[in-house]
PDB file of all heavy atoms in Angstrom:
ATOM      1  N   GLY A   1       0.837  -1.189   0.000  1.00  0.00           N
ATOM      2  CA  GLY A   1       0.000   0.000   0.000  1.00  0.00           C
ATOM      3  C   GLY A   1       0.876   1.244   0.000  1.00  0.00           C
ATOM      4  O   GLY A   1       1.720   1.426  -0.878  1.00  0.00           O
ATOM      5  N   ASN A   2       0.682   2.089   1.010  1.00  0.00           N
ATOM      6  CA  ASN A   2       1.535   3.275   1.143  1.00  0.00           C
ATOM      7  C   ASN A   2       2.422   3.162   2.384  1.00  0.00           C
ATOM      8  O   ASN A   2       2.760   4.152   3.014  1.00  0.00           O
ATOM      9  CB  ASN A   2       0.682   4.546   1.230  1.00  0.00           C
ATOM     10  CG  ASN A   2       1.511   5.806   1.020  1.00  0.00           C
ATOM     11  OD1 ASN A   2       2.376   5.869   0.143  1.00  0.00           O
ATOM     12  ND2 ASN A   2       1.271   6.822   1.839  1.00  0.00           N
ATOM     13  N   ARG A   3       2.821   1.922   2.685  1.00  0.00           N
ATOM     14  CA  ARG A   3       3.640   1.689   3.871  1.00  0.00           C
ATOM     15  C   ARG A   3       4.915   0.946   3.493  1.00  0.00           C
ATOM     16  O   ARG A   3       4.862  -0.139   2.900  1.00  0.00           O
ATOM     17  CB  ARG A   3       2.864   0.866   4.902  1.00  0.00           C
ATOM     18  CG  ARG A   3       3.577   0.673   6.233  1.00  0.00           C
ATOM     19  CD  ARG A   3       3.448   1.900   7.096  1.00  0.00           C
ATOM     20  NE  ARG A   3       4.125   1.716   8.390  1.00  0.00           N
ATOM     21  CZ  ARG A   3       4.150   2.638   9.343  1.00  0.00           C
ATOM     22  NH1 ARG A   3       3.492   3.791   9.154  1.00  0.00           N
ATOM     23  NH2 ARG A   3       4.776   2.436  10.478  1.00  0.00           N
ATOM     24  N   ALA A   4       6.077   1.555   3.794  1.00  0.00           N
ATOM     25  CA  ALA A   4       7.352   0.876   3.588  1.00  0.00           C
ATOM     26  C   ALA A   4       7.574  -0.087   4.746  1.00  0.00           C
ATOM     27  O   ALA A   4       7.523   0.315   5.916  1.00  0.00           O
ATOM     28  CB  ALA A   4       8.483   1.886   3.510  1.00  0.00           C
ATOM     29  N   LEU A   5       7.807  -1.351   4.429  1.00  0.00           N
ATOM     30  CA  LEU A   5       7.906  -2.392   5.454  1.00  0.00           C
ATOM     31  C   LEU A   5       9.338  -2.654   5.884  1.00  0.00           C
ATOM     32  O   LEU A   5       9.617  -2.836   7.066  1.00  0.00           O
ATOM     33  CB  LEU A   5       7.284  -3.689   4.929  1.00  0.00           C
ATOM     34  CG  LEU A   5       5.834  -3.594   4.446  1.00  0.00           C
ATOM     35  CD1 LEU A   5       5.394  -4.921   3.855  1.00  0.00           C
ATOM     36  CD2 LEU A   5       4.913  -3.178   5.585  1.00  0.00           C
ATOM     37  N   ARG A   6      10.218  -2.706   4.931  1.00  0.00           N
ATOM     38  CA  ARG A   6      11.623  -2.974   5.239  1.00  0.00           C
ATOM     39  C   ARG A   6      12.465  -2.537   4.052  1.00  0.00           C
ATOM     40  O   ARG A   6      11.972  -2.352   2.937  1.00  0.00           O
ATOM     41  CB  ARG A   6      11.861  -4.444   5.562  1.00  0.00           C
ATOM     42  CG  ARG A   6      11.565  -5.401   4.427  1.00  0.00           C
ATOM     43  CD  ARG A   6      11.639  -6.860   4.882  1.00  0.00           C
ATOM     44  NE  ARG A   6      11.375  -7.792   3.787  1.00  0.00           N
ATOM     45  CZ  ARG A   6      10.164  -8.116   3.368  1.00  0.00           C
ATOM     46  NH1 ARG A   6       9.093  -7.579   3.921  1.00  0.00           N
ATOM     47  NH2 ARG A   6      10.017  -8.984   2.378  1.00  0.00           N
ATOM     48  N   ILE A   7      13.762  -2.389   4.310  1.00  0.00           N
ATOM     49  CA  ILE A   7      14.714  -1.996   3.262  1.00  0.00           C
ATOM     50  C   ILE A   7      15.849  -3.004   3.254  1.00  0.00           C
ATOM     51  O   ILE A   7      16.410  -3.339   4.305  1.00  0.00           O
ATOM     52  CB  ILE A   7      15.269  -0.579   3.517  1.00  0.00           C
ATOM     53  CG1 ILE A   7      14.128   0.449   3.486  1.00  0.00           C
ATOM     54  CG2 ILE A   7      16.323  -0.225   2.480  1.00  0.00           C
ATOM     55  CD1 ILE A   7      14.589   1.863   3.808  1.00  0.00           C
ATOM     56  N   THR A   8      16.184  -3.489   2.073  1.00  0.00           N
ATOM     57  CA  THR A   8      17.298  -4.422   1.925  1.00  0.00           C
ATOM     58  C   THR A   8      18.248  -3.908   0.856  1.00  0.00           C
ATOM     59  O   THR A   8      17.881  -3.094   0.004  1.00  0.00           O
ATOM     60  CB  THR A   8      16.796  -5.823   1.526  1.00  0.00           C
ATOM     61  OG1 THR A   8      16.024  -5.718   0.320  1.00  0.00           O
ATOM     62  CG2 THR A   8      15.925  -6.418   2.624  1.00  0.00           C
ATOM     63  N   GLY A   9      19.462  -4.359   0.917  1.00  0.00           N
ATOM     64  CA  GLY A   9      20.429  -4.028  -0.118  1.00  0.00           C
ATOM     65  C   GLY A   9      20.194  -4.860  -1.356  1.00  0.00           C
ATOM     66  O   GLY A   9      19.876  -6.055  -1.275  1.00  0.00           O
ATOM     67  N   SER A  10      20.331  -4.230  -2.505  1.00  0.00           N
ATOM     68  CA  SER A  10      20.156  -4.962  -3.756  1.00  0.00           C
ATOM     69  C   SER A  10      21.268  -5.991  -3.925  1.00  0.00           C
ATOM     70  O   SER A  10      22.434  -5.729  -3.619  1.00  0.00           O
ATOM     71  CB  SER A  10      20.173  -3.981  -4.931  1.00  0.00           C
ATOM     72  OG  SER A  10      20.190  -4.676  -6.162  1.00  0.00           O
ATOM     73  N   LYS A  11      20.889  -7.156  -4.426  1.00  0.00           N
ATOM     74  CA  LYS A  11      21.875  -8.211  -4.675  1.00  0.00           C
ATOM     75  C   LYS A  11      22.462  -8.130  -6.080  1.00  0.00           C
ATOM     76  O   LYS A  11      23.294  -8.970  -6.455  1.00  0.00           O
ATOM     77  CB  LYS A  11      21.231  -9.579  -4.454  1.00  0.00           C
ATOM     78  CG  LYS A  11      20.787  -9.813  -3.011  1.00  0.00           C
ATOM     79  CD  LYS A  11      20.158 -11.190  -2.833  1.00  0.00           C
ATOM     80  CE  LYS A  11      19.714 -11.409  -1.388  1.00  0.00           C
ATOM     81  NZ  LYS A  11      19.082 -12.746  -1.205  1.00  0.00           N
ATOM     82  N   ARG A  12      22.053  -7.135  -6.854  1.00  0.00           N
ATOM     83  CA  ARG A  12      22.572  -6.980  -8.213  1.00  0.00           C
ATOM     84  C   ARG A  12      24.065  -6.682  -8.173  1.00  0.00           C
ATOM     85  O   ARG A  12      24.573  -6.061  -7.231  1.00  0.00           O
ATOM     86  CB  ARG A  12      21.820  -5.862  -8.933  1.00  0.00           C
ATOM     87  CG  ARG A  12      20.337  -6.173  -9.139  1.00  0.00           C
ATOM     88  CD  ARG A  12      19.540  -4.934  -9.449  1.00  0.00           C
ATOM     89  NE  ARG A  12      19.963  -4.298 -10.690  1.00  0.00           N
ATOM     90  CZ  ARG A  12      19.497  -3.131 -11.115  1.00  0.00           C
ATOM     91  NH1 ARG A  12      18.597  -2.469 -10.385  1.00  0.00           N
ATOM     92  NH2 ARG A  12      19.911  -2.615 -12.249  1.00  0.00           N
ATOM     93  N   ARG A  13      24.757  -7.118  -9.210  1.00  0.00           N
ATOM     94  CA  ARG A  13      26.203  -6.925  -9.293  1.00  0.00           C
ATOM     95  C   ARG A  13      26.534  -6.110 -10.536  1.00  0.00           C
ATOM     96  O   ARG A  13      25.850  -6.202 -11.558  1.00  0.00           O
ATOM     97  CB  ARG A  13      26.935  -8.266  -9.318  1.00  0.00           C
ATOM     98  CG  ARG A  13      26.774  -9.053  -8.014  1.00  0.00           C
ATOM     99  CD  ARG A  13      27.509 -10.377  -8.047  1.00  0.00           C
ATOM    100  NE  ARG A  13      27.371 -11.105  -6.797  1.00  0.00           N
ATOM    101  CZ  ARG A  13      28.172 -10.952  -5.753  1.00  0.00           C
ATOM    102  NH1 ARG A  13      29.191 -10.098  -5.825  1.00  0.00           N
ATOM    103  NH2 ARG A  13      27.979 -11.654  -4.651  1.00  0.00           N
ATOM    104  N   PHE A  14      27.630  -5.346 -10.445  1.00  0.00           N
ATOM    105  CA  PHE A  14      27.963  -4.407 -11.512  1.00  0.00           C
ATOM    106  C   PHE A  14      29.461  -4.446 -11.821  1.00  0.00           C
ATOM    107  O   PHE A  14      30.282  -4.770 -10.971  1.00  0.00           O
ATOM    108  CB  PHE A  14      27.564  -2.986 -11.098  1.00  0.00           C
ATOM    109  CG  PHE A  14      26.120  -2.863 -10.730  1.00  0.00           C
ATOM    110  CD1 PHE A  14      25.710  -2.954  -9.404  1.00  0.00           C
ATOM    111  CD2 PHE A  14      25.153  -2.689 -11.712  1.00  0.00           C
ATOM    112  CE1 PHE A  14      24.373  -2.856  -9.063  1.00  0.00           C
ATOM    113  CE2 PHE A  14      23.811  -2.594 -11.375  1.00  0.00           C
ATOM    114  CZ  PHE A  14      23.429  -2.679 -10.056  1.00  0.00           C
ATOM    115  N   GLY A  15      29.761  -4.072 -13.058  1.00  0.00           N
ATOM    116  CA  GLY A  15      31.149  -3.989 -13.477  1.00  0.00           C
ATOM    117  C   GLY A  15      31.746  -5.352 -13.748  1.00  0.00           C
ATOM    118  O   GLY A  15      31.146  -6.401 -13.457  1.00  0.00           O
ATOM    119  N   PRO A  16      32.955  -5.375 -14.291  1.00  0.00           N
ATOM    120  CA  PRO A  16      33.595  -6.647 -14.651  1.00  0.00           C
ATOM    121  C   PRO A  16      33.876  -7.538 -13.448  1.00  0.00           C
ATOM    122  O   PRO A  16      33.998  -8.752 -13.590  1.00  0.00           O
ATOM    123  CB  PRO A  16      34.892  -6.207 -15.338  1.00  0.00           C
ATOM    124  CG  PRO A  16      35.135  -4.812 -14.856  1.00  0.00           C
ATOM    125  CD  PRO A  16      33.784  -4.209 -14.649  1.00  0.00           C
ATOM    126  N   GLU A  17      33.961  -6.936 -12.257  1.00  0.00           N
ATOM    127  CA  GLU A  17      34.253  -7.723 -11.063  1.00  0.00           C
ATOM    128  C   GLU A  17      32.987  -8.135 -10.318  1.00  0.00           C
ATOM    129  O   GLU A  17      33.056  -8.800  -9.282  1.00  0.00           O
ATOM    130  CB  GLU A  17      35.176  -6.930 -10.137  1.00  0.00           C
ATOM    131  CG  GLU A  17      36.536  -6.630 -10.762  1.00  0.00           C
ATOM    132  CD  GLU A  17      37.392  -5.771  -9.855  1.00  0.00           C
ATOM    133  OE1 GLU A  17      36.828  -5.027  -9.026  1.00  0.00           O
ATOM    134  OE2 GLU A  17      38.620  -5.862  -9.961  1.00  0.00           O
ATOM    135  N   GLY A  18      31.831  -7.722 -10.846  1.00  0.00           N
ATOM    136  CA  GLY A  18      30.566  -8.112 -10.231  1.00  0.00           C
ATOM    137  C   GLY A  18      30.391  -7.598  -8.819  1.00  0.00           C
ATOM    138  O   GLY A  18      30.012  -8.348  -7.913  1.00  0.00           O
ATOM    139  N   ARG A  19      30.613  -6.312  -8.610  1.00  0.00           N
ATOM    140  CA  ARG A  19      30.542  -5.743  -7.259  1.00  0.00           C
ATOM    141  C   ARG A  19      29.115  -5.330  -6.914  1.00  0.00           C
ATOM    142  O   ARG A  19      28.352  -4.884  -7.760  1.00  0.00           O
ATOM    143  CB  ARG A  19      31.481  -4.552  -7.129  1.00  0.00           C
ATOM    144  CG  ARG A  19      32.943  -4.970  -7.237  1.00  0.00           C
ATOM    145  CD  ARG A  19      33.888  -3.851  -6.855  1.00  0.00           C
ATOM    146  NE  ARG A  19      35.258  -4.318  -6.929  1.00  0.00           N
ATOM    147  CZ  ARG A  19      35.908  -4.911  -5.924  1.00  0.00           C
ATOM    148  NH1 ARG A  19      35.288  -5.080  -4.763  1.00  0.00           N
ATOM    149  NH2 ARG A  19      37.149  -5.309  -6.072  1.00  0.00           N
ATOM    150  N   GLN A  20      28.796  -5.475  -5.646  1.00  0.00           N
ATOM    151  CA  GLN A  20      27.499  -5.048  -5.135  1.00  0.00           C
ATOM    152  C   GLN A  20      27.633  -3.689  -4.444  1.00  0.00           C
ATOM    153  O   GLN A  20      28.682  -3.360  -3.890  1.00  0.00           O
ATOM    154  CB  GLN A  20      26.951  -6.079  -4.147  1.00  0.00           C
ATOM    155  CG  GLN A  20      26.608  -7.411  -4.777  1.00  0.00           C
ATOM    156  CD  GLN A  20      26.151  -8.429  -3.744  1.00  0.00           C
ATOM    157  OE1 GLN A  20      26.900  -8.818  -2.865  1.00  0.00           O
ATOM    158  NE2 GLN A  20      24.898  -8.857  -3.857  1.00  0.00           N
ATOM    159  N   LEU A  21      26.554  -2.929  -4.467  1.00  0.00           N
ATOM    160  CA  LEU A  21      26.525  -1.613  -3.820  1.00  0.00           C
ATOM    161  C   LEU A  21      25.706  -1.736  -2.545  1.00  0.00           C
ATOM    162  O   LEU A  21      24.576  -1.277  -2.445  1.00  0.00           O
ATOM    163  CB  LEU A  21      25.930  -0.573  -4.773  1.00  0.00           C
ATOM    164  CG  LEU A  21      26.647  -0.439  -6.119  1.00  0.00           C
ATOM    165  CD1 LEU A  21      25.891   0.516  -7.031  1.00  0.00           C
ATOM    166  CD2 LEU A  21      28.081   0.029  -5.915  1.00  0.00           C
ATOM    167  N   LEU A  22      26.298  -2.396  -1.560  1.00  0.00           N
ATOM    168  CA  LEU A  22      25.578  -2.776  -0.353  1.00  0.00           C
ATOM    169  C   LEU A  22      25.534  -1.637   0.660  1.00  0.00           C
ATOM    170  O   LEU A  22      26.463  -0.835   0.763  1.00  0.00           O
ATOM    171  CB  LEU A  22      26.236  -4.002   0.274  1.00  0.00           C
ATOM    172  CG  LEU A  22      26.195  -5.275  -0.588  1.00  0.00           C
ATOM    173  CD1 LEU A  22      26.993  -6.391   0.069  1.00  0.00           C
ATOM    174  CD2 LEU A  22      24.753  -5.714  -0.817  1.00  0.00           C
ATOM    175  N   PRO A  23      24.465  -1.574   1.433  1.00  0.00           N
ATOM    176  CA  PRO A  23      24.326  -0.501   2.413  1.00  0.00           C
ATOM    177  C   PRO A  23      25.180  -0.729   3.650  1.00  0.00           C
ATOM    178  O   PRO A  23      25.566  -1.859   3.963  1.00  0.00           O
ATOM    179  CB  PRO A  23      22.837  -0.545   2.761  1.00  0.00           C
ATOM    180  CG  PRO A  23      22.441  -1.968   2.545  1.00  0.00           C
ATOM    181  CD  PRO A  23      23.258  -2.429   1.370  1.00  0.00           C
ATOM    182  N   CYS A  24      25.447   0.370   4.362  1.00  0.00           N
ATOM    183  CA  CYS A  24      26.145   0.278   5.636  1.00  0.00           C
ATOM    184  C   CYS A  24      25.122   0.312   6.761  1.00  0.00           C
ATOM    185  O   CYS A  24      23.907   0.368   6.528  1.00  0.00           O
ATOM    186  CB  CYS A  24      27.155   1.410   5.779  1.00  0.00           C
ATOM    187  SG  CYS A  24      26.422   3.040   6.060  1.00  0.00           S
ATOM    188  N   VAL A  25      25.581   0.328   7.985  1.00  0.00           N
ATOM    189  CA  VAL A  25      24.690   0.250   9.143  1.00  0.00           C
ATOM    190  C   VAL A  25      23.746   1.451   9.223  1.00  0.00           C
ATOM    191  O   VAL A  25      22.644   1.348   9.774  1.00  0.00           O
ATOM    192  CB  VAL A  25      25.529   0.119  10.433  1.00  0.00           C
ATOM    193  CG1 VAL A  25      26.331   1.381  10.707  1.00  0.00           C
ATOM    194  CG2 VAL A  25      24.643  -0.215  11.625  1.00  0.00           C
ATOM    195  N   ARG A  26      24.141   2.583   8.647  1.00  0.00           N
ATOM    196  CA  ARG A  26      23.286   3.776   8.716  1.00  0.00           C
ATOM    197  C   ARG A  26      21.937   3.552   8.027  1.00  0.00           C
ATOM    198  O   ARG A  26      20.930   4.145   8.415  1.00  0.00           O
ATOM    199  CB  ARG A  26      23.999   4.969   8.082  1.00  0.00           C
ATOM    200  CG  ARG A  26      25.248   5.426   8.832  1.00  0.00           C
ATOM    201  CD  ARG A  26      25.937   6.564   8.097  1.00  0.00           C
ATOM    202  NE  ARG A  26      27.136   7.005   8.760  1.00  0.00           N
ATOM    203  CZ  ARG A  26      28.342   6.477   8.571  1.00  0.00           C
ATOM    204  NH1 ARG A  26      28.484   5.463   7.728  1.00  0.00           N
ATOM    205  NH2 ARG A  26      29.398   6.943   9.206  1.00  0.00           N
ATOM    206  N   CYS A  27      21.926   2.722   6.989  1.00  0.00           N
ATOM    207  CA  CYS A  27      20.684   2.488   6.255  1.00  0.00           C
ATOM    208  C   CYS A  27      19.618   1.839   7.134  1.00  0.00           C
ATOM    209  O   CYS A  27      18.428   1.924   6.832  1.00  0.00           O
ATOM    210  CB  CYS A  27      20.948   1.625   5.029  1.00  0.00           C
ATOM    211  SG  CYS A  27      21.929   2.460   3.760  1.00  0.00           S
ATOM    212  N   GLY A  28      20.045   1.216   8.196  1.00  0.00           N
ATOM    213  CA  GLY A  28      19.089   0.626   9.114  1.00  0.00           C
ATOM    214  C   GLY A  28      18.231   1.652   9.832  1.00  0.00           C
ATOM    215  O   GLY A  28      17.232   1.300  10.476  1.00  0.00           O
ATOM    216  N   SER A  29      18.617   2.930   9.732  1.00  0.00           N
ATOM    217  CA  SER A  29      17.857   4.000  10.389  1.00  0.00           C
ATOM    218  C   SER A  29      16.806   4.621   9.479  1.00  0.00           C
ATOM    219  O   SER A  29      16.023   5.467   9.936  1.00  0.00           O
ATOM    220  CB  SER A  29      18.821   5.099  10.869  1.00  0.00           C
ATOM    221  OG  SER A  29      19.699   4.622  11.852  1.00  0.00           O
ATOM    222  N   TYR A  30      16.773   4.242   8.214  1.00  0.00           N
ATOM    223  CA  TYR A  30      15.926   4.946   7.257  1.00  0.00           C
ATOM    224  C   TYR A  30      14.439   4.865   7.611  1.00  0.00           C
ATOM    225  O   TYR A  30      13.737   5.883   7.594  1.00  0.00           O
ATOM    226  CB  TYR A  30      16.159   4.408   5.844  1.00  0.00           C
ATOM    227  CG  TYR A  30      17.436   4.888   5.198  1.00  0.00           C
ATOM    228  CD1 TYR A  30      17.996   4.211   4.122  1.00  0.00           C
ATOM    229  CD2 TYR A  30      18.095   6.021   5.648  1.00  0.00           C
ATOM    230  CE1 TYR A  30      19.163   4.647   3.515  1.00  0.00           C
ATOM    231  CE2 TYR A  30      19.267   6.464   5.056  1.00  0.00           C
ATOM    232  CZ  TYR A  30      19.793   5.774   3.994  1.00  0.00           C
ATOM    233  OH  TYR A  30      20.946   6.217   3.397  1.00  0.00           O
ATOM    234  N   LEU A  31      13.947   3.684   7.911  1.00  0.00           N
ATOM    235  CA  LEU A  31      12.521   3.568   8.223  1.00  0.00           C
ATOM    236  C   LEU A  31      12.201   4.170   9.583  1.00  0.00           C
ATOM    237  O   LEU A  31      11.109   4.714   9.786  1.00  0.00           O
ATOM    238  CB  LEU A  31      12.071   2.109   8.165  1.00  0.00           C
ATOM    239  CG  LEU A  31      12.061   1.461   6.779  1.00  0.00           C
ATOM    240  CD1 LEU A  31      11.426   0.081   6.843  1.00  0.00           C
ATOM    241  CD2 LEU A  31      11.341   2.332   5.765  1.00  0.00           C
ATOM    242  N   LYS A  32      13.135   4.084  10.526  1.00  0.00           N
ATOM    243  CA  LYS A  32      12.934   4.720  11.830  1.00  0.00           C
ATOM    244  C   LYS A  32      12.763   6.229  11.652  1.00  0.00           C
ATOM    245  O   LYS A  32      11.930   6.851  12.317  1.00  0.00           O
ATOM    246  CB  LYS A  32      14.127   4.442  12.742  1.00  0.00           C
ATOM    247  CG  LYS A  32      14.338   2.978  13.088  1.00  0.00           C
ATOM    248  CD  LYS A  32      13.295   2.481  14.069  1.00  0.00           C
ATOM    249  CE  LYS A  32      13.636   1.067  14.521  1.00  0.00           C
ATOM    250  NZ  LYS A  32      12.612   0.526  15.457  1.00  0.00           N
ATOM    251  N   ARG A  33      13.531   6.799  10.752  1.00  0.00           N
ATOM    252  CA  ARG A  33      13.439   8.234  10.494  1.00  0.00           C
ATOM    253  C   ARG A  33      12.144   8.567   9.750  1.00  0.00           C
ATOM    254  O   ARG A  33      11.463   9.545  10.069  1.00  0.00           O
ATOM    255  CB  ARG A  33      14.657   8.689   9.690  1.00  0.00           C
ATOM    256  CG  ARG A  33      14.683  10.186   9.369  1.00  0.00           C
ATOM    257  CD  ARG A  33      15.994  10.545   8.672  1.00  0.00           C
ATOM    258  NE  ARG A  33      15.998  11.903   8.165  1.00  0.00           N
ATOM    259  CZ  ARG A  33      16.345  12.988   8.850  1.00  0.00           C
ATOM    260  NH1 ARG A  33      16.690  12.866  10.122  1.00  0.00           N
ATOM    261  NH2 ARG A  33      16.332  14.185   8.298  1.00  0.00           N
ATOM    262  N   LEU A  34      11.815   7.750   8.746  1.00  0.00           N
ATOM    263  CA  LEU A  34      10.620   8.003   7.943  1.00  0.00           C
ATOM    264  C   LEU A  34       9.365   8.045   8.805  1.00  0.00           C
ATOM    265  O   LEU A  34       8.498   8.912   8.615  1.00  0.00           O
ATOM    266  CB  LEU A  34      10.492   6.924   6.864  1.00  0.00           C
ATOM    267  CG  LEU A  34       9.229   6.956   6.013  1.00  0.00           C
ATOM    268  CD1 LEU A  34       9.201   8.208   5.128  1.00  0.00           C
ATOM    269  CD2 LEU A  34       9.145   5.693   5.145  1.00  0.00           C
ATOM    270  N   TYR A  35       9.253   7.123   9.754  1.00  0.00           N
ATOM    271  CA  TYR A  35       8.023   6.997  10.529  1.00  0.00           C
ATOM    272  C   TYR A  35       8.170   7.477  11.980  1.00  0.00           C
ATOM    273  O   TYR A  35       7.367   7.126  12.843  1.00  0.00           O
ATOM    274  CB  TYR A  35       7.538   5.542  10.500  1.00  0.00           C
ATOM    275  CG  TYR A  35       7.101   5.116   9.120  1.00  0.00           C
ATOM    276  CD1 TYR A  35       7.728   4.063   8.458  1.00  0.00           C
ATOM    277  CD2 TYR A  35       6.078   5.787   8.460  1.00  0.00           C
ATOM    278  CE1 TYR A  35       7.334   3.669   7.187  1.00  0.00           C
ATOM    279  CE2 TYR A  35       5.675   5.404   7.185  1.00  0.00           C
ATOM    280  CZ  TYR A  35       6.309   4.348   6.551  1.00  0.00           C
ATOM    281  OH  TYR A  35       5.912   3.982   5.291  1.00  0.00           O
ATOM    282  N   HIS A  36       9.166   8.302  12.216  1.00  0.00           N
ATOM    283  CA  HIS A  36       9.385   8.799  13.580  1.00  0.00           C
ATOM    284  C   HIS A  36       8.248   9.740  13.982  1.00  0.00           C
ATOM    285  O   HIS A  36       7.838  10.611  13.205  1.00  0.00           O
ATOM    286  CB  HIS A  36      10.726   9.529  13.665  1.00  0.00           C
ATOM    287  CG  HIS A  36      11.224   9.696  15.059  1.00  0.00           C
ATOM    288  ND1 HIS A  36      10.700  10.635  15.929  1.00  0.00           N
ATOM    289  CD2 HIS A  36      12.190   9.043  15.756  1.00  0.00           C
ATOM    290  CE1 HIS A  36      11.329  10.549  17.089  1.00  0.00           C
ATOM    291  NE2 HIS A  36      12.234   9.591  17.016  1.00  0.00           N
ATOM    292  N   PRO A  37       7.724   9.588  15.181  1.00  0.00           N
ATOM    293  CA  PRO A  37       6.593  10.444  15.594  1.00  0.00           C
ATOM    294  C   PRO A  37       6.936  11.924  15.707  1.00  0.00           C
ATOM    295  O   PRO A  37       6.012  12.770  15.702  1.00  0.00           O
ATOM    296  CB  PRO A  37       6.201   9.863  16.961  1.00  0.00           C
ATOM    297  CG  PRO A  37       7.419   9.142  17.447  1.00  0.00           C
ATOM    298  CD  PRO A  37       8.077   8.603  16.224  1.00  0.00           C
ATOM    299  N   ASP A  38       8.194  12.261  15.813  1.00  0.00           N
ATOM    300  CA  ASP A  38       8.590  13.665  15.953  1.00  0.00           C
ATOM    301  C   ASP A  38       8.769  14.377  14.617  1.00  0.00           C
ATOM    302  O   ASP A  38       9.118  15.562  14.603  1.00  0.00           O
ATOM    303  CB  ASP A  38       9.892  13.778  16.756  1.00  0.00           C
ATOM    304  CG  ASP A  38       9.707  13.388  18.212  1.00  0.00           C
ATOM    305  OD1 ASP A  38       8.551  13.335  18.661  1.00  0.00           O
ATOM    306  OD2 ASP A  38      10.726  13.128  18.886  1.00  0.00           O
ATOM    307  N   ARG A  39       8.538  13.684  13.515  1.00  0.00           N
ATOM    308  CA  ARG A  39       8.665  14.369  12.226  1.00  0.00           C
ATOM    309  C   ARG A  39       7.674  15.524  12.125  1.00  0.00           C
ATOM    310  O   ARG A  39       6.529  15.423  12.592  1.00  0.00           O
ATOM    311  CB  ARG A  39       8.422  13.397  11.065  1.00  0.00           C
ATOM    312  CG  ARG A  39       9.658  12.629  10.626  1.00  0.00           C
ATOM    313  CD  ARG A  39       9.410  11.934   9.299  1.00  0.00           C
ATOM    314  NE  ARG A  39       9.275  12.879   8.194  1.00  0.00           N
ATOM    315  CZ  ARG A  39       8.848  12.552   6.984  1.00  0.00           C
ATOM    316  NH1 ARG A  39       8.501  11.303   6.719  1.00  0.00           N
ATOM    317  NH2 ARG A  39       8.757  13.464   6.035  1.00  0.00           N
ATOM    318  N   LEU A  40       8.100  16.596  11.508  1.00  0.00           N
ATOM    319  CA  LEU A  40       7.217  17.741  11.310  1.00  0.00           C
ATOM    320  C   LEU A  40       6.093  17.368  10.355  1.00  0.00           C
ATOM    321  O   LEU A  40       6.313  16.692   9.341  1.00  0.00           O
ATOM    322  CB  LEU A  40       8.006  18.925  10.757  1.00  0.00           C
ATOM    323  CG  LEU A  40       9.136  19.443  11.655  1.00  0.00           C
ATOM    324  CD1 LEU A  40       9.940  20.520  10.923  1.00  0.00           C
ATOM    325  CD2 LEU A  40       8.583  19.991  12.956  1.00  0.00           C
ATOM    326  N   LYS A  41       4.887  17.848  10.671  1.00  0.00           N
ATOM    327  CA  LYS A  41       3.711  17.482   9.879  1.00  0.00           C
ATOM    328  C   LYS A  41       3.091  18.673   9.152  1.00  0.00           C
ATOM    329  O   LYS A  41       2.483  18.504   8.095  1.00  0.00           O
ATOM    330  CB  LYS A  41       2.655  16.845  10.778  1.00  0.00           C
ATOM    331  CG  LYS A  41       3.103  15.576  11.496  1.00  0.00           C
ATOM    332  CD  LYS A  41       2.023  15.071  12.433  1.00  0.00           C
ATOM    333  CE  LYS A  41       2.421  13.767  13.116  1.00  0.00           C
ATOM    334  NZ  LYS A  41       3.577  13.952  14.021  1.00  0.00           N
TER     335      LYS A  41
END
Protein backbone atom coordinates (compact mmCIF):
# COMPACT_ATOMS: atom_id res chain seq x y z
CA GLY A 1 0.00 0.00 0.00
CA ASN A 2 1.53 3.28 1.14
CA ARG A 3 3.64 1.69 3.87
CA ALA A 4 7.35 0.88 3.59
CA LEU A 5 7.91 -2.39 5.45
CA ARG A 6 11.62 -2.97 5.24
CA ILE A 7 14.71 -2.00 3.26
CA THR A 8 17.30 -4.42 1.93
CA GLY A 9 20.43 -4.03 -0.12
CA SER A 10 20.16 -4.96 -3.76
CA LYS A 11 21.88 -8.21 -4.67
CA ARG A 12 22.57 -6.98 -8.21
CA ARG A 13 26.20 -6.92 -9.29
CA PHE A 14 27.96 -4.41 -11.51
CA GLY A 15 31.15 -3.99 -13.48
CA PRO A 16 33.60 -6.65 -14.65
CA GLU A 17 34.25 -7.72 -11.06
CA GLY A 18 30.57 -8.11 -10.23
CA ARG A 19 30.54 -5.74 -7.26
CA GLN A 20 27.50 -5.05 -5.13
CA LEU A 21 26.53 -1.61 -3.82
CA LEU A 22 25.58 -2.78 -0.35
CA PRO A 23 24.33 -0.50 2.41
CA CYS A 24 26.14 0.28 5.64
CA VAL A 25 24.69 0.25 9.14
CA ARG A 26 23.29 3.78 8.72
CA CYS A 27 20.68 2.49 6.26
CA GLY A 28 19.09 0.63 9.11
CA SER A 29 17.86 4.00 10.39
CA TYR A 30 15.93 4.95 7.26
CA LEU A 31 12.52 3.57 8.22
CA LYS A 32 12.93 4.72 11.83
CA ARG A 33 13.44 8.23 10.49
CA LEU A 34 10.62 8.00 7.94
CA TYR A 35 8.02 7.00 10.53
CA HIS A 36 9.39 8.80 13.58
CA PRO A 37 6.59 10.44 15.59
CA ASP A 38 8.59 13.66 15.95
CA ARG A 39 8.67 14.37 12.23
CA LEU A 40 7.22 17.74 11.31
CA LYS A 41 3.71 17.48 9.88
